[in-house]
C-alpha atoms as a PDB file:
ATOM      1  CA  UNK A   1     -33.921 -36.570 -35.656  1.00  0.00           C
ATOM      2  CA  UNK A   2     -33.833 -38.513 -38.942  1.00  0.00           C
ATOM      3  CA  UNK A   3     -30.353 -37.222 -39.647  1.00  0.00           C
ATOM      4  CA  UNK A   4     -29.160 -38.293 -36.172  1.00  0.00           C
ATOM      5  CA  UNK A   5     -30.689 -41.785 -36.637  1.00  0.00           C
ATOM      6  CA  UNK A   6     -28.949 -42.042 -40.014  1.00  0.00           C
ATOM      7  CA  UNK A   7     -25.576 -41.200 -38.484  1.00  0.00           C
ATOM      8  CA  UNK A   8     -26.090 -43.790 -35.738  1.00  0.00           C
ATOM      9  CA  UNK A   9     -27.182 -46.473 -38.222  1.00  0.00           C
ATOM     10  CA  UNK A  10     -24.143 -45.838 -40.430  1.00  0.00           C
ATOM     11  CA  UNK A  11     -21.735 -46.501 -37.558  1.00  0.00           C
ATOM     12  CA  UNK A  12     -19.955 -49.834 -37.978  1.00  0.00           C
ATOM     13  CA  UNK A  13     -20.375 -51.115 -34.436  1.00  0.00           C
ATOM     14  CA  UNK A  14     -18.580 -54.384 -35.202  1.00  0.00           C
ATOM     15  CA  UNK A  15     -15.321 -52.509 -35.813  1.00  0.00           C
ATOM     16  CA  UNK A  16     -15.668 -50.489 -32.617  1.00  0.00           C
ATOM     17  CA  UNK A  17     -13.210 -51.561 -29.909  1.00  0.00           C
ATOM     18  CA  UNK A  18     -12.728 -50.299 -26.413  1.00  0.00           C
ATOM     19  CA  UNK A  19      -9.173 -49.168 -25.758  1.00  0.00           C
ATOM     20  CA  UNK A  20      -7.094 -51.441 -23.585  1.00  0.00           C
ATOM     21  CA  UNK A  21      -6.504 -49.968 -20.149  1.00  0.00           C
ATOM     22  CA  UNK A  22      -3.253 -50.921 -18.472  1.00  0.00           C
ATOM     23  CA  UNK A  23      -2.247 -50.436 -14.855  1.00  0.00           C
ATOM     24  CA  UNK A  24       0.170 -47.714 -15.995  1.00  0.00           C
ATOM     25  CA  UNK A  25      -2.716 -45.835 -17.625  1.00  0.00           C
ATOM     26  CA  UNK A  26      -4.740 -45.896 -14.400  1.00  0.00           C
ATOM     27  CA  UNK A  27      -1.721 -44.646 -12.449  1.00  0.00           C
ATOM     28  CA  UNK A  28      -1.192 -41.935 -15.081  1.00  0.00           C
ATOM     29  CA  UNK A  29      -4.816 -40.751 -14.735  1.00  0.00           C
ATOM     30  CA  UNK A  30      -4.641 -40.766 -10.937  1.00  0.00           C
ATOM     31  CA  UNK A  31      -1.483 -38.645 -10.949  1.00  0.00           C
ATOM     32  CA  UNK A  32      -3.000 -36.122 -13.373  1.00  0.00           C
ATOM     33  CA  UNK A  33      -6.246 -35.995 -11.338  1.00  0.00           C
ATOM     34  CA  UNK A  34      -4.291 -35.466  -8.122  1.00  0.00           C
ATOM     35  CA  UNK A  35      -2.212 -32.663  -9.673  1.00  0.00           C
ATOM     36  CA  UNK A  36      -5.326 -30.931 -11.012  1.00  0.00           C
ATOM     37  CA  UNK A  37      -6.994 -31.258  -7.599  1.00  0.00           C
ATOM     38  CA  UNK A  38      -3.988 -29.776  -5.758  1.00  0.00           C
ATOM     39  CA  UNK A  39      -3.677 -26.919  -8.265  1.00  0.00           C
ATOM     40  CA  UNK A  40      -7.385 -26.081  -7.900  1.00  0.00           C
ATOM     41  CA  UNK A  41      -7.052 -26.117  -4.090  1.00  0.00           C
ATOM     42  CA  UNK A  42      -4.061 -23.791  -4.331  1.00  0.00           C
ATOM     43  CA  UNK A  43      -5.822 -21.477  -6.790  1.00  0.00           C
ATOM     44  CA  UNK A  44      -8.908 -21.232  -4.559  1.00  0.00           C
ATOM     45  CA  UNK A  45      -6.780 -19.909  -1.669  1.00  0.00           C
ATOM     46  CA  UNK A  46      -5.156 -17.169  -3.754  1.00  0.00           C
ATOM     47  CA  UNK A  47      -6.079 -14.254  -5.984  1.00  0.00           C
ATOM     48  CA  UNK A  48      -5.640 -16.643  -8.917  1.00  0.00           C
ATOM     49  CA  UNK A  49      -9.189 -17.931  -8.228  1.00  0.00           C
ATOM     50  CA  UNK A  50     -10.623 -14.688  -9.629  1.00  0.00           C
ATOM     51  CA  UNK A  51      -8.255 -14.975 -12.583  1.00  0.00           C
ATOM     52  CA  UNK A  52      -9.445 -18.531 -13.293  1.00  0.00           C
ATOM     53  CA  UNK A  53     -13.104 -17.474 -13.305  1.00  0.00           C
ATOM     54  CA  UNK A  54     -12.298 -14.628 -15.686  1.00  0.00           C
ATOM     55  CA  UNK A  55     -10.332 -17.014 -17.913  1.00  0.00           C
ATOM     56  CA  UNK A  56     -13.311 -19.400 -18.107  1.00  0.00           C
ATOM     57  CA  UNK A  57     -15.531 -16.522 -19.261  1.00  0.00           C
ATOM     58  CA  UNK A  58     -13.002 -15.618 -21.970  1.00  0.00           C
ATOM     59  CA  UNK A  59     -12.886 -19.274 -23.138  1.00  0.00           C
ATOM     60  CA  UNK A  60     -16.687 -19.380 -23.405  1.00  0.00           C
ATOM     61  CA  UNK A  61     -16.689 -16.140 -25.393  1.00  0.00           C
ATOM     62  CA  UNK A  62     -13.944 -17.553 -27.639  1.00  0.00           C
ATOM     63  CA  UNK A  63     -15.943 -20.675 -28.537  1.00  0.00           C
ATOM     64  CA  UNK A  64     -19.096 -18.622 -29.108  1.00  0.00           C
ATOM     65  CA  UNK A  65     -17.140 -16.338 -31.444  1.00  0.00           C
ATOM     66  CA  UNK A  66     -15.859 -19.390 -33.349  1.00  0.00           C
ATOM     67  CA  UNK A  67     -19.367 -20.799 -33.766  1.00  0.00           C
ATOM     68  CA  UNK A  68     -20.792 -17.446 -34.895  1.00  0.00           C
ATOM     69  CA  UNK A  69     -17.674 -16.773 -37.012  1.00  0.00           C
ATOM     70  CA  UNK A  70     -16.920 -13.446 -35.348  1.00  0.00           C
ATOM     71  CA  UNK A  71     -13.404 -13.051 -36.705  1.00  0.00           C
ATOM     72  CA  UNK A  72     -12.526  -9.782 -34.992  1.00  0.00           C
ATOM     73  CA  UNK A  73     -13.408 -11.098 -31.511  1.00  0.00           C
ATOM     74  CA  UNK A  74     -11.572 -14.375 -32.172  1.00  0.00           C
ATOM     75  CA  UNK A  75      -8.443 -12.552 -33.356  1.00  0.00           C
ATOM     76  CA  UNK A  76      -8.514 -10.224 -30.342  1.00  0.00           C
ATOM     77  CA  UNK A  77      -8.838 -13.070 -27.817  1.00  0.00           C
ATOM     78  CA  UNK A  78      -6.088 -15.204 -29.404  1.00  0.00           C
ATOM     79  CA  UNK A  79      -3.587 -12.336 -29.492  1.00  0.00           C
ATOM     80  CA  UNK A  80      -4.529 -11.138 -25.992  1.00  0.00           C
ATOM     81  CA  UNK A  81      -3.896 -14.594 -24.525  1.00  0.00           C
ATOM     82  CA  UNK A  82      -0.363 -14.632 -25.943  1.00  0.00           C
ATOM     83  CA  UNK A  83       0.467 -11.387 -24.121  1.00  0.00           C
ATOM     84  CA  UNK A  84      -1.636 -12.344 -21.083  1.00  0.00           C
ATOM     85  CA  UNK A  85       0.492 -15.396 -20.288  1.00  0.00           C
ATOM     86  CA  UNK A  86       3.519 -13.184 -19.613  1.00  0.00           C
ATOM     87  CA  UNK A  87       1.362 -10.765 -17.574  1.00  0.00           C
ATOM     88  CA  UNK A  88       0.074 -13.657 -15.420  1.00  0.00           C
ATOM     89  CA  UNK A  89       3.629 -14.788 -14.617  1.00  0.00           C
ATOM     90  CA  UNK A  90       4.509 -11.243 -13.492  1.00  0.00           C
ATOM     91  CA  UNK A  91       1.323 -10.451 -11.558  1.00  0.00           C
ATOM     92  CA  UNK A  92       1.123 -13.796  -9.750  1.00  0.00           C
ATOM     93  CA  UNK A  93       4.804 -14.248  -9.006  1.00  0.00           C
ATOM     94  CA  UNK A  94       4.193 -14.472  -5.199  1.00  0.00           C
ATOM     95  CA  UNK A  95       1.509 -17.147  -5.671  1.00  0.00           C
ATOM     96  CA  UNK A  96       3.703 -19.156  -8.064  1.00  0.00           C
ATOM     97  CA  UNK A  97       6.573 -18.927  -5.612  1.00  0.00           C
ATOM     98  CA  UNK A  98       4.319 -20.192  -2.832  1.00  0.00           C
ATOM     99  CA  UNK A  99       3.212 -23.113  -4.998  1.00  0.00           C
ATOM    100  CA  UNK A 100       6.794 -24.123  -5.774  1.00  0.00           C
ATOM    101  CA  UNK A 101       7.694 -23.758  -2.092  1.00  0.00           C
ATOM    102  CA  UNK A 102       4.829 -26.048  -1.084  1.00  0.00           C
ATOM    103  CA  UNK A 103       5.965 -28.616  -3.655  1.00  0.00           C
ATOM    104  CA  UNK A 104       9.444 -28.422  -2.162  1.00  0.00           C
ATOM    105  CA  UNK A 105       7.974 -28.986   1.297  1.00  0.00           C
ATOM    106  CA  UNK A 106       6.194 -32.191   0.210  1.00  0.00           C
ATOM    107  CA  UNK A 107       6.551 -35.442   2.098  1.00  0.00           C
ATOM    108  CA  UNK A 108       8.993 -36.936  -0.431  1.00  0.00           C
ATOM    109  CA  UNK A 109      11.353 -33.993  -0.081  1.00  0.00           C
ATOM    110  CA  UNK A 110      10.967 -33.928   3.703  1.00  0.00           C
ATOM    111  CA  UNK A 111      12.065 -37.580   3.803  1.00  0.00           C
ATOM    112  CA  UNK A 112      15.508 -36.396   2.691  1.00  0.00           C
ATOM    113  CA  UNK A 113      15.637 -32.989   4.405  1.00  0.00           C
ATOM    114  CA  UNK A 114      13.749 -33.448   7.686  1.00  0.00           C
ATOM    115  CA  UNK A 115      15.430 -31.832  10.671  1.00  0.00           C
ATOM    116  CA  UNK A 116      17.275 -34.203  12.976  1.00  0.00           C
ATOM    117  CA  UNK A 117      16.627 -34.422  16.699  1.00  0.00           C
ATOM    118  CA  UNK A 118      19.504 -32.089  17.562  1.00  0.00           C
ATOM    119  CA  UNK A 119      18.119 -29.356  15.301  1.00  0.00           C
ATOM    120  CA  UNK A 120      14.624 -29.829  16.749  1.00  0.00           C
ATOM    121  CA  UNK A 121      16.092 -29.528  20.252  1.00  0.00           C
ATOM    122  CA  UNK A 122      17.814 -26.273  19.289  1.00  0.00           C
ATOM    123  CA  UNK A 123      14.601 -24.874  17.789  1.00  0.00           C
ATOM    124  CA  UNK A 124      12.616 -25.746  20.917  1.00  0.00           C
ATOM    125  CA  UNK A 125      15.232 -24.085  23.128  1.00  0.00           C
ATOM    126  CA  UNK A 126      14.932 -20.945  21.004  1.00  0.00           C
ATOM    127  CA  UNK A 127      11.130 -21.146  21.212  1.00  0.00           C
ATOM    128  CA  UNK A 128      11.390 -21.258  25.009  1.00  0.00           C
ATOM    129  CA  UNK A 129      13.524 -18.105  25.011  1.00  0.00           C
ATOM    130  CA  UNK A 130      11.177 -16.353  22.588  1.00  0.00           C
ATOM    131  CA  UNK A 131       8.183 -17.201  24.808  1.00  0.00           C
ATOM    132  CA  UNK A 132       9.929 -15.806  27.886  1.00  0.00           C
ATOM    133  CA  UNK A 133      10.720 -12.589  26.030  1.00  0.00           C
ATOM    134  CA  UNK A 134       7.175 -12.371  24.623  1.00  0.00           C
ATOM    135  CA  UNK A 135       5.690 -12.424  28.135  1.00  0.00           C
ATOM    136  CA  UNK A 136       7.777  -9.384  29.130  1.00  0.00           C
ATOM    137  CA  UNK A 137       7.283  -7.551  25.846  1.00  0.00           C
ATOM    138  CA  UNK A 138       3.510  -8.023  25.993  1.00  0.00           C
ATOM    139  CA  UNK A 139       3.336  -6.847  29.594  1.00  0.00           C
ATOM    140  CA  UNK A 140       5.250  -3.669  28.697  1.00  0.00           C
ATOM    141  CA  UNK A 141       3.364  -3.113  25.409  1.00  0.00           C
ATOM    142  CA  UNK A 142       6.626  -3.289  23.454  1.00  0.00           C
ATOM    143  CA  UNK A 143       6.171  -4.176  19.792  1.00  0.00           C
ATOM    144  CA  UNK A 144       8.129  -7.138  18.458  1.00  0.00           C
ATOM    145  CA  UNK A 145       8.375  -9.350  15.372  1.00  0.00           C
ATOM    146  CA  UNK A 146      10.304 -12.648  15.536  1.00  0.00           C
ATOM    147  CA  UNK A 147      10.635 -15.046  12.579  1.00  0.00           C
ATOM    148  CA  UNK A 148      11.530 -18.619  13.550  1.00  0.00           C
ATOM    149  CA  UNK A 149      12.947 -20.275  10.441  1.00  0.00           C
ATOM    150  CA  UNK A 150      12.367 -23.991   9.813  1.00  0.00           C
ATOM    151  CA  UNK A 151      13.142 -26.029   6.684  1.00  0.00           C
ATOM    152  CA  UNK A 152      12.684 -23.224   4.125  1.00  0.00           C
ATOM    153  CA  UNK A 153      15.850 -21.130   4.272  1.00  0.00           C
ATOM    154  CA  UNK A 154      15.321 -17.372   4.468  1.00  0.00           C
ATOM    155  CA  UNK A 155      18.719 -16.133   3.367  1.00  0.00           C
ATOM    156  CA  UNK A 156      17.212 -13.324   1.287  1.00  0.00           C
ATOM    157  CA  UNK A 157      15.359 -12.063   4.382  1.00  0.00           C
ATOM    158  CA  UNK A 158      18.515 -12.312   6.470  1.00  0.00           C
ATOM    159  CA  UNK A 159      20.363 -10.205   3.895  1.00  0.00           C
ATOM    160  CA  UNK A 160      17.934  -7.291   4.423  1.00  0.00           C
ATOM    161  CA  UNK A 161      18.861  -6.945   8.103  1.00  0.00           C
ATOM    162  CA  UNK A 162      21.903  -6.426  10.306  1.00  0.00           C
ATOM    163  CA  UNK A 163      23.862  -9.632  10.886  1.00  0.00           C
ATOM    164  CA  UNK A 164      24.183 -10.788  14.512  1.00  0.00           C
ATOM    165  CA  UNK A 165      24.740 -14.585  14.579  1.00  0.00           C
ATOM    166  CA  UNK A 166      24.332 -14.683  18.361  1.00  0.00           C
ATOM    167  CA  UNK A 167      22.866 -17.306  20.667  1.00  0.00           C
ATOM    168  CA  UNK A 168      19.093 -16.876  21.020  1.00  0.00           C
ATOM    169  CA  UNK A 169      18.257 -15.721  24.544  1.00  0.00           C
ATOM    170  CA  UNK A 170      15.288 -13.883  25.994  1.00  0.00           C
ATOM    171  CA  UNK A 171      17.597 -11.132  27.286  1.00  0.00           C
ATOM    172  CA  UNK A 172      18.998 -10.451  23.825  1.00  0.00           C
ATOM    173  CA  UNK A 173      15.497 -10.365  22.299  1.00  0.00           C
ATOM    174  CA  UNK A 174      14.357  -7.896  24.957  1.00  0.00           C
ATOM    175  CA  UNK A 175      17.363  -5.661  24.330  1.00  0.00           C
ATOM    176  CA  UNK A 176      16.770  -5.691  20.575  1.00  0.00           C
ATOM    177  CA  UNK A 177      13.133  -4.571  20.823  1.00  0.00           C
ATOM    178  CA  UNK A 178      13.519  -1.908  23.488  1.00  0.00           C
ATOM    179  CA  UNK A 179      12.079   1.272  21.998  1.00  0.00           C
ATOM    180  CA  UNK A 180      14.470   3.686  20.273  1.00  0.00           C
ATOM    181  CA  UNK A 181      17.370   1.223  20.135  1.00  0.00           C
ATOM    182  CA  UNK A 182      19.114   0.912  16.724  1.00  0.00           C
ATOM    183  CA  UNK A 183      17.822  -2.650  16.147  1.00  0.00           C
ATOM    184  CA  UNK A 184      14.230  -2.440  17.370  1.00  0.00           C
ATOM    185  CA  UNK A 185      12.634  -1.609  14.006  1.00  0.00           C
ATOM    186  CA  UNK A 186      12.001  -4.620  11.758  1.00  0.00           C
ATOM    187  CA  UNK A 187      12.044  -8.366  12.339  1.00  0.00           C
ATOM    188  CA  UNK A 188      14.440 -10.697  14.110  1.00  0.00           C
ATOM    189  CA  UNK A 189      15.359 -13.902  12.250  1.00  0.00           C
ATOM    190  CA  UNK A 190      15.995 -16.988  14.394  1.00  0.00           C
ATOM    191  CA  UNK A 191      17.648 -20.037  12.813  1.00  0.00           C
ATOM    192  CA  UNK A 192      17.787 -23.090  15.068  1.00  0.00           C
ATOM    193  CA  UNK A 193      19.394 -21.738  18.302  1.00  0.00           C
ATOM    194  CA  UNK A 194      20.887 -18.565  16.780  1.00  0.00           C
ATOM    195  CA  UNK A 195      19.600 -15.063  16.143  1.00  0.00           C
ATOM    196  CA  UNK A 196      20.978 -14.528  12.659  1.00  0.00           C
ATOM    197  CA  UNK A 197      19.871 -10.948  11.984  1.00  0.00           C
ATOM    198  CA  UNK A 198      17.758  -8.035  13.239  1.00  0.00           C
ATOM    199  CA  UNK A 199      15.921  -5.177  11.493  1.00  0.00           C
ATOM    200  CA  UNK A 200      14.961  -7.589   8.691  1.00  0.00           C
ATOM    201  CA  UNK A 201      12.409  -6.427   6.105  1.00  0.00           C
ATOM    202  CA  UNK A 202       9.533  -8.852   5.433  1.00  0.00           C
ATOM    203  CA  UNK A 203       7.078  -8.991   2.523  1.00  0.00           C
ATOM    204  CA  UNK A 204       3.553  -7.792   3.329  1.00  0.00           C
ATOM    205  CA  UNK A 205       0.513  -9.959   2.709  1.00  0.00           C
ATOM    206  CA  UNK A 206      -2.228  -8.900   0.310  1.00  0.00           C
ATOM    207  CA  UNK A 207      -4.865 -10.654   2.439  1.00  0.00           C
ATOM    208  CA  UNK A 208      -7.454  -8.802   4.490  1.00  0.00           C
ATOM    209  CA  UNK A 209      -6.429  -9.653   8.079  1.00  0.00           C
ATOM    210  CA  UNK A 210      -8.350  -6.905   9.908  1.00  0.00           C
ATOM    211  CA  UNK A 211      -8.106  -3.137   9.827  1.00  0.00           C
ATOM    212  CA  UNK A 212      -7.189  -3.045  13.507  1.00  0.00           C
ATOM    213  CA  UNK A 213      -3.919  -4.865  12.766  1.00  0.00           C
ATOM    214  CA  UNK A 214      -0.821  -3.001  11.657  1.00  0.00           C
ATOM    215  CA  UNK A 215       2.237  -3.498   9.478  1.00  0.00           C
ATOM    216  CA  UNK A 216       3.877  -5.993  11.851  1.00  0.00           C
ATOM    217  CA  UNK A 217       0.945  -8.385  11.532  1.00  0.00           C
ATOM    218  CA  UNK A 218       0.787  -7.978   7.752  1.00  0.00           C
ATOM    219  CA  UNK A 219       4.513  -8.693   7.537  1.00  0.00           C
ATOM    220  CA  UNK A 220       4.162 -11.762   9.782  1.00  0.00           C
ATOM    221  CA  UNK A 221       1.443 -13.243   7.572  1.00  0.00           C
ATOM    222  CA  UNK A 222       3.378 -12.263   4.440  1.00  0.00           C
ATOM    223  CA  UNK A 223       6.531 -14.222   5.322  1.00  0.00           C
ATOM    224  CA  UNK A 224       4.473 -17.199   6.549  1.00  0.00           C
ATOM    225  CA  UNK A 225       2.771 -17.366   3.131  1.00  0.00           C
ATOM    226  CA  UNK A 226       6.048 -18.023   1.308  1.00  0.00           C
ATOM    227  CA  UNK A 227       7.799 -20.190   3.912  1.00  0.00           C
ATOM    228  CA  UNK A 228       7.147 -22.672   6.721  1.00  0.00           C
ATOM    229  CA  UNK A 229       8.391 -20.263   9.391  1.00  0.00           C
ATOM    230  CA  UNK A 230       6.481 -19.562  12.603  1.00  0.00           C
ATOM    231  CA  UNK A 231       6.280 -15.803  13.229  1.00  0.00           C
ATOM    232  CA  UNK A 232       5.554 -14.224  16.606  1.00  0.00           C
ATOM    233  CA  UNK A 233       4.070 -10.725  16.791  1.00  0.00           C
ATOM    234  CA  UNK A 234       3.622  -8.542  19.872  1.00  0.00           C
ATOM    235  CA  UNK A 235       1.293  -5.592  19.391  1.00  0.00           C
ATOM    236  CA  UNK A 236       2.623  -2.294  20.676  1.00  0.00           C
ATOM    237  CA  UNK A 237      -0.894  -0.841  21.024  1.00  0.00           C
ATOM    238  CA  UNK A 238      -2.672  -3.723  22.792  1.00  0.00           C
ATOM    239  CA  UNK A 239       0.130  -5.874  24.164  1.00  0.00           C
ATOM    240  CA  UNK A 240      -1.531  -8.954  22.643  1.00  0.00           C
ATOM    241  CA  UNK A 241       0.535 -11.780  21.155  1.00  0.00           C
ATOM    242  CA  UNK A 242      -0.218 -13.379  17.768  1.00  0.00           C
ATOM    243  CA  UNK A 243       1.432 -16.125  15.729  1.00  0.00           C
ATOM    244  CA  UNK A 244       1.426 -16.461  11.934  1.00  0.00           C
ATOM    245  CA  UNK A 245       1.894 -19.889  10.325  1.00  0.00           C
ATOM    246  CA  UNK A 246       1.113 -21.106   6.808  1.00  0.00           C
ATOM    247  CA  UNK A 247      -0.465 -17.780   5.876  1.00  0.00           C
ATOM    248  CA  UNK A 248      -2.880 -17.805   8.835  1.00  0.00           C
ATOM    249  CA  UNK A 249      -2.800 -15.571  11.905  1.00  0.00           C
ATOM    250  CA  UNK A 250      -3.690 -16.844  15.395  1.00  0.00           C
ATOM    251  CA  UNK A 251      -4.623 -13.790  17.475  1.00  0.00           C
ATOM    252  CA  UNK A 252      -4.452 -13.201  21.228  1.00  0.00           C
ATOM    253  CA  UNK A 253      -2.831 -16.519  22.143  1.00  0.00           C
ATOM    254  CA  UNK A 254      -2.048 -17.722  25.651  1.00  0.00           C
ATOM    255  CA  UNK A 255       1.451 -18.866  26.642  1.00  0.00           C
ATOM    256  CA  UNK A 256       0.347 -22.486  26.450  1.00  0.00           C
ATOM    257  CA  UNK A 257      -1.042 -21.947  22.958  1.00  0.00           C
ATOM    258  CA  UNK A 258       2.126 -20.068  22.063  1.00  0.00           C
ATOM    259  CA  UNK A 259       4.202 -23.089  23.026  1.00  0.00           C
ATOM    260  CA  UNK A 260       2.049 -25.422  20.960  1.00  0.00           C
ATOM    261  CA  UNK A 261       2.445 -23.116  17.938  1.00  0.00           C
ATOM    262  CA  UNK A 262       6.204 -22.550  18.217  1.00  0.00           C
ATOM    263  CA  UNK A 263       7.528 -25.896  19.438  1.00  0.00           C
ATOM    264  CA  UNK A 264       8.334 -28.820  17.169  1.00  0.00           C
ATOM    265  CA  UNK A 265       7.374 -32.397  18.106  1.00  0.00           C
ATOM    266  CA  UNK A 266       6.850 -31.360  21.729  1.00  0.00           C
ATOM    267  CA  UNK A 267       5.011 -33.494  24.259  1.00  0.00           C
ATOM    268  CA  UNK A 268       1.788 -31.695  25.387  1.00  0.00           C
ATOM    269  CA  UNK A 269       2.449 -32.387  29.081  1.00  0.00           C
ATOM    270  CA  UNK A 270       5.986 -31.018  28.893  1.00  0.00           C
ATOM    271  CA  UNK A 271       4.622 -27.903  27.206  1.00  0.00           C
ATOM    272  CA  UNK A 272       2.119 -27.425  30.025  1.00  0.00           C
ATOM    273  CA  UNK A 273       4.865 -27.739  32.631  1.00  0.00           C
ATOM    274  CA  UNK A 274       7.209 -25.429  30.727  1.00  0.00           C
ATOM    275  CA  UNK A 275       5.002 -22.543  29.723  1.00  0.00           C
ATOM    276  CA  UNK A 276       2.038 -22.838  32.117  1.00  0.00           C
ATOM    277  CA  UNK A 277      -1.447 -21.508  31.473  1.00  0.00           C
ATOM    278  CA  UNK A 278      -1.076 -17.803  32.125  1.00  0.00           C
ATOM    279  CA  UNK A 279      -2.125 -15.520  29.270  1.00  0.00           C
ATOM    280  CA  UNK A 280       0.586 -13.160  28.032  1.00  0.00           C
END
């Protein structure tokens, strides 16, 4: 305690000055705090949360090894971190891609790239056709997977399928997913009012979505994690309809709920009149 008092007494308090804080500094701090907050929110929703907790443990061990002068442990941690940075970029490539996609979907970017009313009208017309087809597919227990693209372009997904570029109609969707037809296996990609491709291959999610759900549902959640697409799934086993958006799966939805999930900027009353209340 005497040593601490001596240190305090030796401080020249008269020469101590608080740093001047400008408005730019406050704005700088707020931006950094906001970025840290958003990154932590993103990390908590991904596998990177476990990585962060493990990294904190390693940092604690590193500082303990420095204090206790454990040179071997310190050397091992420092050299492992250099290699680990590259490993993190490889292992968490899907999560990093999702983060960059979400940044690209921010409000500032949407101010310049938001869909115009004509595009929204085309997307809602396609949604109406998809809903009509879903009602028939569900009734007949015919499996289906339809990706409705929005602002994030899915050209790489389109390239995995067979190009169609045909007007989106319920009849065409029904013909594609009829069992044992050449195009029934895989996903259909809808862009605005066009069916761009069929038999598309989608990435599978690593999330636990339920053991009772199959590959179609895992693929639907997978593509919704890396884009803003709305993905409709019809279960071949149960005939139930689900919709994946933003990495989340809405199970066993009614036609009215289906409309609310697939339509853009639609009036609730018009949705009720269009799709009704009957469960598909």
